[in-house]
N, C-alpha and C. Protein backbone atom coordinates (compact mmCIF):
# COMPACT_ATOMS: atom_id res chain seq x y z
N MET A 1 1.22 -0.88 -0.18
CA MET A 1 -0.18 0.06 -0.40
C MET A 1 0.76 1.19 0.12
N SER A 2 0.40 2.09 -1.34
CA SER A 2 1.67 3.11 -1.04
C SER A 2 1.19 4.11 -0.29
N THR A 3 2.10 4.86 0.53
CA THR A 3 2.28 6.24 1.25
C THR A 3 0.67 7.02 1.11
N TRP A 4 0.29 7.33 0.01
CA TRP A 4 -0.49 7.75 -0.49
C TRP A 4 -2.27 7.28 0.15
N GLU A 5 -1.98 5.92 -0.34
CA GLU A 5 -3.34 4.89 0.13
C GLU A 5 -3.40 5.13 1.24
N VAL A 6 -2.30 5.24 2.22
CA VAL A 6 -2.03 5.39 3.64
C VAL A 6 -3.60 5.99 3.99
N VAL A 7 -2.80 7.11 3.11
CA VAL A 7 -3.18 8.60 3.91
C VAL A 7 -4.97 8.91 3.81
N VAL A 8 -5.53 8.39 2.62
CA VAL A 8 -6.64 8.28 1.89
C VAL A 8 -7.85 7.47 2.97
N THR A 9 -7.29 6.32 3.37
CA THR A 9 -7.72 5.54 3.83
C THR A 9 -7.52 5.87 6.01
N THR A 10 -6.83 5.97 6.19
CA THR A 10 -6.71 6.49 7.76
C THR A 10 -7.75 7.84 7.82
N VAL A 11 -7.58 9.09 6.83
CA VAL A 11 -8.67 10.17 6.86
C VAL A 11 -9.96 9.58 6.14
N ALA A 12 -10.24 8.76 5.94
CA ALA A 12 -11.93 8.13 5.43
C ALA A 12 -12.57 7.01 6.79
N ALA A 13 -11.45 6.62 7.42
CA ALA A 13 -11.81 6.03 8.39
C ALA A 13 -11.68 7.26 9.47
N GLU A 14 -11.52 8.23 9.52
CA GLU A 14 -11.56 8.86 10.53
C GLU A 14 -12.40 9.76 10.50
N PHE A 15 -13.13 10.03 9.11
CA PHE A 15 -14.62 10.25 9.08
C PHE A 15 -15.87 9.21 8.96
N SER A 16 -15.57 8.40 9.42
CA SER A 16 -16.53 7.44 9.35
C SER A 16 -17.30 6.73 10.57
N ASP A 17 -17.62 8.24 11.32
CA ASP A 17 -18.18 7.76 12.14
C ASP A 17 -19.60 8.03 12.41
N ILE A 18 -20.08 8.61 11.24
CA ILE A 18 -22.01 8.34 10.67
C ILE A 18 -21.69 7.08 9.59
N ASN A 19 -21.80 6.02 10.19
CA ASN A 19 -21.99 5.41 8.80
C ASN A 19 -22.82 4.61 8.09
N ASP A 20 -24.07 5.37 8.35
CA ASP A 20 -24.77 4.66 6.86
C ASP A 20 -25.94 6.27 6.96
N VAL A 21 -27.01 5.88 6.15
CA VAL A 21 -27.43 6.72 5.47
C VAL A 21 -28.94 7.35 6.90
N GLU A 22 -29.20 6.45 7.19
CA GLU A 22 -30.30 6.12 8.04
C GLU A 22 -29.65 7.38 9.41
N GLN A 23 -28.52 6.96 10.05
CA GLN A 23 -28.00 7.70 10.93
C GLN A 23 -27.47 9.01 10.47
N THR A 24 -27.28 9.39 9.24
CA THR A 24 -26.52 10.22 8.90
C THR A 24 -27.82 11.48 8.85
N THR A 25 -28.80 11.03 8.34
CA THR A 25 -30.11 11.73 8.26
C THR A 25 -30.91 12.43 9.69
N ARG A 26 -30.57 10.84 10.49
CA ARG A 26 -30.90 11.76 11.64
C ARG A 26 -30.37 12.51 12.51
N VAL A 27 -28.89 12.31 12.72
CA VAL A 27 -28.03 13.24 13.06
C VAL A 27 -28.20 14.83 12.29
N CYS A 28 -28.29 14.79 10.97
CA CYS A 28 -28.35 16.35 10.43
C CYS A 28 -29.69 16.89 10.74
N LEU A 29 -31.09 16.01 10.51
CA LEU A 29 -32.57 16.47 11.26
C LEU A 29 -32.21 17.18 12.32
N ARG A 30 -31.37 16.23 13.54
CA ARG A 30 -31.56 16.83 14.39
C ARG A 30 -31.05 18.03 15.25
N LEU A 31 -29.46 17.73 14.98
CA LEU A 31 -28.85 18.95 14.71
C LEU A 31 -29.83 20.72 13.94
N THR A 32 -30.20 19.97 12.92
CA THR A 32 -30.98 21.44 12.19
C THR A 32 -32.42 21.36 13.05
N LEU A 33 -33.40 20.72 13.80
CA LEU A 33 -34.00 20.90 14.04
C LEU A 33 -33.59 22.01 15.58
N ALA A 34 -32.94 21.11 16.84
CA ALA A 34 -32.33 21.80 17.80
C ALA A 34 -31.47 23.21 17.15
N ALA A 35 -30.86 23.73 16.39
CA ALA A 35 -30.76 25.02 16.05
C ALA A 35 -32.26 26.27 15.71
N ILE A 36 -33.14 25.76 14.62
CA ILE A 36 -34.03 26.18 14.82
C ILE A 36 -34.64 26.62 15.60
N LEU A 37 -35.21 25.75 16.38
CA LEU A 37 -35.83 26.15 17.49
C LEU A 37 -35.28 26.80 18.92
N GLY A 38 -34.07 26.46 18.85
CA GLY A 38 -33.35 27.77 19.62
C GLY A 38 -33.17 28.90 19.25
N GLY A 39 -32.98 28.90 17.47
CA GLY A 39 -33.43 30.39 16.93
C GLY A 39 -34.20 31.15 17.00
N ILE A 40 -35.70 30.21 16.94
CA ILE A 40 -36.67 31.10 17.41
C ILE A 40 -37.00 31.69 18.41
N LEU A 41 -36.22 30.96 19.84
CA LEU A 41 -36.56 31.50 21.30
C LEU A 41 -35.39 32.43 20.93
N GLY A 42 -34.50 32.44 20.42
CA GLY A 42 -33.24 33.40 20.07
C GLY A 42 -33.54 34.73 19.29
N ILE A 43 -34.78 35.04 18.46
CA ILE A 43 -34.91 35.76 17.80
C ILE A 43 -36.22 36.39 18.66
N GLU A 44 -36.69 35.81 19.46
CA GLU A 44 -38.31 36.96 20.12
C GLU A 44 -37.03 37.77 21.45
N ARG A 45 -36.16 36.82 21.88
CA ARG A 45 -35.27 37.45 22.70
C ARG A 45 -34.75 38.68 22.12
N GLU A 46 -33.63 38.71 20.90
CA GLU A 46 -33.54 39.69 20.10
C GLU A 46 -35.20 41.15 20.07
N SER A 47 -35.68 40.46 19.32
CA SER A 47 -36.72 41.68 18.85
C SER A 47 -37.18 42.43 20.31
N GLN A 48 -36.64 41.97 21.67
CA GLN A 48 -36.83 42.40 22.83
C GLN A 48 -35.78 43.01 23.63
N GLY A 49 -35.05 42.99 22.65
CA GLY A 49 -33.75 43.51 23.06
C GLY A 49 -32.60 43.35 23.54
N LYS A 50 -32.98 41.71 23.81
CA LYS A 50 -31.89 41.59 25.40
C LYS A 50 -30.52 40.76 24.79
N ALA A 51 -29.51 41.09 25.65
CA ALA A 51 -28.49 40.65 24.67
C ALA A 51 -27.99 39.12 24.64
N ALA A 52 -28.25 38.35 24.89
CA ALA A 52 -28.86 36.81 24.31
C ALA A 52 -29.92 36.30 23.48
N GLY A 53 -29.82 36.86 21.71
CA GLY A 53 -30.14 36.46 20.86
C GLY A 53 -30.10 35.53 20.48
N LEU A 54 -30.46 35.81 18.87
CA LEU A 54 -30.68 35.07 18.21
C LEU A 54 -29.52 34.07 18.12
N ARG A 55 -28.64 34.36 17.66
CA ARG A 55 -27.24 33.50 17.44
C ARG A 55 -26.77 32.29 18.91
N THR A 56 -26.72 33.65 20.12
CA THR A 56 -26.59 32.73 21.31
C THR A 56 -27.63 31.66 21.84
N HIS A 57 -28.99 31.68 21.47
CA HIS A 57 -29.52 30.82 21.68
C HIS A 57 -29.69 29.91 20.74
N MET A 58 -29.55 29.77 19.52
CA MET A 58 -29.13 28.78 18.82
C MET A 58 -27.78 27.96 18.56
N LEU A 59 -27.00 29.03 19.05
CA LEU A 59 -25.39 27.64 19.39
C LEU A 59 -25.67 27.15 20.35
N VAL A 60 -26.33 27.72 20.98
CA VAL A 60 -26.88 26.86 23.48
C VAL A 60 -27.46 25.69 22.55
N ALA A 61 -28.70 26.04 21.70
CA ALA A 61 -29.24 24.43 21.52
C ALA A 61 -28.92 23.46 20.72
N LEU A 62 -27.73 24.35 19.59
CA LEU A 62 -26.93 22.78 18.35
C LEU A 62 -26.01 22.45 19.80
N GLY A 63 -24.97 22.77 20.69
CA GLY A 63 -24.25 22.47 21.58
C GLY A 63 -24.89 21.80 22.31
N ALA A 64 -25.84 21.91 22.81
CA ALA A 64 -26.75 20.91 23.94
C ALA A 64 -27.10 19.29 22.59
N ALA A 65 -27.39 19.81 21.54
CA ALA A 65 -28.00 18.28 20.93
C ALA A 65 -26.53 17.45 20.57
N LEU A 66 -25.86 18.55 19.99
CA LEU A 66 -24.24 18.31 20.24
C LEU A 66 -23.53 17.08 20.93
N PHE A 67 -23.81 17.52 22.23
CA PHE A 67 -23.21 16.98 23.41
C PHE A 67 -23.73 15.73 23.31
N VAL A 68 -25.06 15.55 23.56
CA VAL A 68 -25.58 14.64 23.13
C VAL A 68 -25.82 13.28 22.25
N LEU A 69 -25.73 13.90 21.06
CA LEU A 69 -26.00 13.09 20.29
C LEU A 69 -24.05 12.52 19.52
N SER A 70 -23.00 13.27 20.28
CA SER A 70 -21.42 12.60 20.20
C SER A 70 -21.51 11.83 21.47
N ALA A 71 -22.65 11.61 22.17
CA ALA A 71 -21.86 10.69 23.21
C ALA A 71 -22.81 9.38 23.14
N ASP A 72 -23.85 9.13 22.23
CA ASP A 72 -24.80 8.27 21.64
C ASP A 72 -25.53 8.89 20.51
N PRO A 73 -25.47 8.81 19.16
CA PRO A 73 -26.48 8.87 18.44
C PRO A 73 -27.59 8.48 18.50
N THR A 74 -27.47 7.35 18.75
CA THR A 74 -29.23 6.66 18.76
C THR A 74 -30.05 6.85 19.68
N GLY A 75 -29.58 8.26 20.86
CA GLY A 75 -30.12 8.81 22.14
C GLY A 75 -30.43 7.80 23.04
N GLU A 76 -30.35 6.41 22.83
CA GLU A 76 -30.57 5.80 24.29
C GLU A 76 -29.71 6.60 25.40
N VAL A 77 -30.23 6.80 26.35
CA VAL A 77 -30.35 6.96 27.87
C VAL A 77 -29.51 6.20 28.45
N ASN A 78 -28.48 6.55 29.00
CA ASN A 78 -28.03 5.25 30.13
C ASN A 78 -27.36 5.97 31.04
N ASP A 79 -25.97 5.51 31.87
CA ASP A 79 -25.39 6.75 33.32
C ASP A 79 -24.32 7.53 32.11
N ALA A 80 -23.62 7.12 31.11
CA ALA A 80 -22.90 8.05 30.79
C ALA A 80 -23.76 9.56 29.91
N MET A 81 -24.68 9.02 29.27
CA MET A 81 -25.60 10.14 28.92
C MET A 81 -25.96 11.00 30.14
N SER A 82 -26.61 10.19 31.15
CA SER A 82 -26.68 11.19 32.52
C SER A 82 -25.69 11.83 32.56
N ARG A 83 -24.48 11.56 32.68
CA ARG A 83 -23.68 12.73 32.99
C ARG A 83 -23.35 13.45 32.05
N VAL A 84 -23.75 13.31 30.34
CA VAL A 84 -23.44 14.55 29.06
C VAL A 84 -24.18 14.99 29.68
N ILE A 85 -25.58 14.76 29.71
CA ILE A 85 -26.93 15.34 29.99
C ILE A 85 -26.60 16.79 31.86
N GLN A 86 -25.56 15.87 32.90
CA GLN A 86 -25.66 16.83 33.33
C GLN A 86 -24.68 17.85 33.65
N GLY A 87 -23.72 17.67 32.89
CA GLY A 87 -22.81 18.50 32.23
C GLY A 87 -23.13 19.11 31.54
N VAL A 88 -23.87 19.70 30.65
CA VAL A 88 -24.60 20.13 29.51
C VAL A 88 -25.20 21.16 30.83
N VAL A 89 -26.28 20.94 31.35
CA VAL A 89 -26.63 21.73 32.38
C VAL A 89 -26.30 22.84 33.33
N ALA A 90 -24.60 22.16 33.93
CA ALA A 90 -23.96 22.97 34.66
C ALA A 90 -23.14 23.61 33.67
N GLY A 91 -22.58 23.47 33.03
CA GLY A 91 -22.25 24.06 31.85
C GLY A 91 -22.90 25.69 31.09
N VAL A 92 -24.06 25.19 30.68
CA VAL A 92 -25.53 26.38 30.11
C VAL A 92 -25.49 27.72 31.57
N GLY A 93 -25.76 26.65 32.98
CA GLY A 93 -25.80 27.49 34.27
C GLY A 93 -24.92 28.39 34.42
N PHE A 94 -23.24 28.40 34.23
CA PHE A 94 -22.51 29.05 34.28
C PHE A 94 -23.02 29.85 32.98
N LEU A 95 -23.59 29.80 31.70
CA LEU A 95 -22.67 30.78 30.82
C LEU A 95 -24.87 31.41 31.18
N GLY A 96 -25.56 31.37 32.24
CA GLY A 96 -26.30 31.95 32.35
C GLY A 96 -26.57 33.08 33.05
N ALA A 97 -25.78 32.59 34.18
CA ALA A 97 -24.50 33.81 35.56
C ALA A 97 -24.37 34.86 34.72
N GLY A 98 -23.54 34.55 34.01
CA GLY A 98 -23.41 35.56 33.44
C GLY A 98 -24.10 36.81 32.76
N THR A 99 -25.45 36.62 32.59
CA THR A 99 -26.29 36.92 31.91
C THR A 99 -27.08 38.04 33.31
N ILE A 100 -26.40 37.15 34.31
CA ILE A 100 -27.70 38.26 35.04
C ILE A 100 -26.72 39.21 36.27
N LEU A 101 -27.76 40.29 36.10
CA LEU A 101 -26.80 41.66 36.30
C LEU A 101 -27.58 42.30 37.55
N LYS A 102 -27.23 42.44 38.71
CA LYS A 102 -27.52 43.01 40.02
C LYS A 102 -26.94 43.89 40.29
N SER A 103 -28.02 44.97 40.75
CA SER A 103 -27.31 46.91 41.38
C SER A 103 -27.64 46.78 43.14
N GLU A 104 -27.42 47.66 43.52
CA GLU A 104 -26.95 48.22 44.52
C GLU A 104 -28.52 47.91 45.60
N SER A 105 -29.61 47.39 44.78
CA SER A 105 -31.01 47.39 45.09
C SER A 105 -31.36 46.08 44.84
N LEU A 106 -32.09 45.12 45.38
CA LEU A 106 -32.04 43.61 46.02
C LEU A 106 -33.55 43.79 44.51
N ALA A 107 -34.28 44.38 44.64
CA ALA A 107 -35.46 45.11 43.87
C ALA A 107 -34.62 45.01 42.07
N ASN A 108 -34.35 45.40 42.03
CA ASN A 108 -33.52 45.48 40.37
C ASN A 108 -32.10 44.34 40.59
N VAL A 109 -32.92 43.49 39.67
CA VAL A 109 -31.95 42.68 38.99
C VAL A 109 -32.26 42.31 37.77
N ARG A 110 -31.30 42.02 36.85
CA ARG A 110 -32.01 42.02 35.48
C ARG A 110 -30.97 40.82 34.95
N GLY A 111 -31.09 40.36 33.82
CA GLY A 111 -31.03 39.59 33.45
C GLY A 111 -31.60 37.71 33.42
N LEU A 112 -32.45 37.56 34.67
CA LEU A 112 -33.07 36.54 34.89
C LEU A 112 -33.75 35.29 33.59
N THR A 113 -34.74 36.12 33.37
CA THR A 113 -35.27 36.21 31.83
C THR A 113 -34.22 34.87 30.74
N THR A 114 -33.65 35.85 31.02
CA THR A 114 -32.55 35.72 30.00
C THR A 114 -31.60 34.21 30.30
N ALA A 115 -31.45 34.12 32.02
CA ALA A 115 -30.60 32.92 32.06
C ALA A 115 -31.63 32.12 31.76
N ALA A 116 -32.59 31.67 32.45
CA ALA A 116 -33.44 31.11 32.26
C ALA A 116 -33.90 30.54 30.39
N GLY A 117 -34.22 31.77 30.09
CA GLY A 117 -34.22 30.92 28.76
C GLY A 117 -33.24 30.22 28.12
N LEU A 118 -31.71 30.90 28.42
CA LEU A 118 -30.75 30.02 27.96
C LEU A 118 -30.40 28.55 28.55
N TRP A 119 -31.02 28.38 29.57
CA TRP A 119 -30.81 27.51 30.24
C TRP A 119 -31.82 26.49 29.78
N LEU A 120 -33.31 27.23 29.53
CA LEU A 120 -34.46 25.74 28.78
C LEU A 120 -34.31 25.42 27.13
N THR A 121 -33.37 26.71 26.30
CA THR A 121 -32.66 26.36 25.25
C THR A 121 -31.81 25.20 24.71
N ALA A 122 -30.94 24.96 26.39
CA ALA A 122 -29.88 23.53 26.42
C ALA A 122 -30.94 22.73 26.98
N ALA A 123 -31.85 22.61 27.61
CA ALA A 123 -32.66 21.22 27.34
C ALA A 123 -33.28 21.13 26.24
N MET A 124 -34.39 21.83 25.58
CA MET A 124 -34.72 22.05 24.35
C MET A 124 -33.91 21.01 23.55
N GLY A 125 -32.54 21.68 23.65
CA GLY A 125 -31.46 20.96 22.58
C GLY A 125 -31.17 19.59 22.78
N VAL A 126 -31.05 19.27 23.87
CA VAL A 126 -30.80 17.64 24.93
C VAL A 126 -32.19 16.90 24.16
N ALA A 127 -32.71 17.35 24.22
CA ALA A 127 -34.20 17.10 23.90
C ALA A 127 -34.30 15.95 22.16
N VAL A 128 -34.03 17.19 21.76
CA VAL A 128 -33.69 16.82 20.71
C VAL A 128 -32.54 16.50 19.76
N GLY A 129 -31.70 16.17 20.55
CA GLY A 129 -30.77 15.55 20.51
C GLY A 129 -30.72 14.09 21.15
N LEU A 130 -31.88 13.51 22.28
CA LEU A 130 -32.12 12.36 22.10
C LEU A 130 -32.88 11.90 21.29
N GLY A 131 -33.99 12.51 20.52
CA GLY A 131 -34.89 11.75 19.64
C GLY A 131 -36.59 12.44 20.45
N GLN A 132 -36.61 13.70 20.78
CA GLN A 132 -37.63 13.80 21.89
C GLN A 132 -38.03 15.15 20.93
N GLU A 133 -38.12 15.24 20.00
CA GLU A 133 -38.77 16.81 18.79
C GLU A 133 -40.16 17.06 19.60
N ILE A 134 -40.89 16.13 19.56
CA ILE A 134 -42.23 16.86 19.80
C ILE A 134 -42.01 17.64 20.95
N VAL A 135 -41.42 17.01 22.05
CA VAL A 135 -41.66 18.19 23.27
C VAL A 135 -40.49 18.77 23.57
N ALA A 136 -39.50 19.28 22.91
CA ALA A 136 -38.41 20.09 22.04
C ALA A 136 -39.18 21.17 21.48
N ILE A 137 -40.31 20.66 20.25
CA ILE A 137 -41.12 21.78 19.73
C ILE A 137 -42.31 22.38 20.62
N LEU A 138 -43.03 21.27 21.89
CA LEU A 138 -44.02 21.95 22.95
C LEU A 138 -43.30 22.94 23.86
N ALA A 139 -42.16 22.76 24.24
CA ALA A 139 -41.70 23.86 25.06
C ALA A 139 -40.99 24.97 24.35
N THR A 140 -40.96 24.83 23.22
CA THR A 140 -40.66 25.96 22.44
C THR A 140 -41.53 26.62 22.85
N VAL A 141 -43.37 25.90 21.99
CA VAL A 141 -44.23 26.55 21.51
C VAL A 141 -44.81 27.12 23.07
N LEU A 142 -44.71 26.87 24.52
CA LEU A 142 -44.34 27.41 25.51
C LEU A 142 -43.74 28.52 26.22
N ALA A 143 -42.56 28.68 25.74
CA ALA A 143 -41.55 29.50 25.97
C ALA A 143 -41.73 30.44 25.53
N LEU A 144 -42.61 30.48 24.01
CA LEU A 144 -43.11 31.65 23.71
C LEU A 144 -43.83 32.30 24.40
N ILE A 145 -44.95 31.70 24.44
CA ILE A 145 -46.13 32.03 25.36
C ILE A 145 -46.01 32.89 26.43
N THR A 146 -44.50 32.06 27.49
CA THR A 146 -44.34 32.51 28.32
C THR A 146 -43.23 33.79 28.84
N LEU A 147 -42.86 33.98 27.64
CA LEU A 147 -41.86 35.14 27.01
C LEU A 147 -42.61 36.35 26.33
N HIS A 148 -43.30 35.92 25.05
CA HIS A 148 -44.25 37.28 24.47
C HIS A 148 -45.29 37.11 25.13
N VAL A 149 -46.75 36.44 25.12
CA VAL A 149 -48.11 36.49 25.83
C VAL A 149 -47.96 37.20 26.94
N LEU A 150 -47.84 35.91 28.09
CA LEU A 150 -47.95 36.32 29.59
C LEU A 150 -47.89 37.70 29.80
N PRO A 151 -46.39 38.68 29.53
CA PRO A 151 -46.12 39.89 29.73
C PRO A 151 -47.40 41.06 29.66
N LEU A 152 -47.60 41.02 28.17
CA LEU A 152 -49.33 41.59 27.95
C LEU A 152 -50.66 41.08 28.26
N LEU A 153 -50.00 40.19 29.67
CA LEU A 153 -51.81 40.08 30.03
C LEU A 153 -51.56 40.10 31.21
N ILE A 154 -49.99 40.54 32.13
CA ILE A 154 -50.29 40.73 33.12
C ILE A 154 -49.23 42.59 33.22
N GLU A 155 -49.91 43.18 33.75
CA GLU A 155 -49.39 44.92 33.76
C GLU A 155 -48.84 45.10 34.52
N PRO A 156 -47.19 45.20 34.65
CA PRO A 156 -46.52 45.69 35.33
C PRO A 156 -47.17 47.16 36.51
N LYS A 157 -47.13 47.18 38.15
CA LYS A 157 -47.15 47.75 38.90
C LYS A 157 -47.10 49.31 38.44
N THR A 158 -47.56 50.37 38.55
CA THR A 158 -46.71 51.58 38.23
C THR A 158 -45.89 52.07 39.44
N GLY A 159 -44.52 52.56 38.83
CA GLY A 159 -43.44 53.06 39.95
C GLY A 159 -42.84 52.00 40.35
N GLU A 160 -43.09 50.46 39.96
CA GLU A 160 -42.91 49.22 40.80
C GLU A 160 -41.67 49.02 39.25
N GLU A 161 -40.21 48.28 39.92
CA GLU A 161 -39.31 47.95 38.95
C GLU A 161 -39.34 46.55 38.17
N THR A 162 -39.51 46.10 37.45
CA THR A 162 -39.44 44.41 36.54
C THR A 162 -38.59 44.10 36.29
N GLU A 163 -38.66 42.42 36.34
CA GLU A 163 -36.89 41.89 35.76
C GLU A 163 -37.78 41.96 34.49
N ASP A 164 -37.01 42.09 32.93
CA ASP A 164 -37.63 41.96 31.69
C ASP A 164 -36.47 41.41 31.09
N GLY A 165 -35.87 40.50 31.95
CA GLY A 165 -34.82 39.80 31.38
C GLY A 165 -32.90 40.27 30.38
């Protein structure tokens, strides 16, 4: 075997982690759906002028799905997968903590909704990565209702500070 053939064979072997059409399709669909669902929440946050917008939410959902898919593309939940999910949750918790700003007054804390939205976005990415697409879509719809519709129903009291994420 020539050196060139060894190089080609080695490169082909390195990129053979997805070895059939069904698995390739599943991975592509899951990663794309995670990015889309994260993007939907990101668009809502960006339209409200929040720092964590479209790209941040897309990347969080995509990253969470990728961690799960990398651990097991079939979405089987086992002890190893449980540890992966715990790591994603902890990591996104740190990311969310960076969005929370507290002033001198305890009544004036900003960024809690954004932090919670990033946390939820990661959970949606995990759900998609595990193959629970309908659960993730339902969570996205409920999040949109929570973020966009509920504030219209609840008027803040005059003169009171509100946490607007």
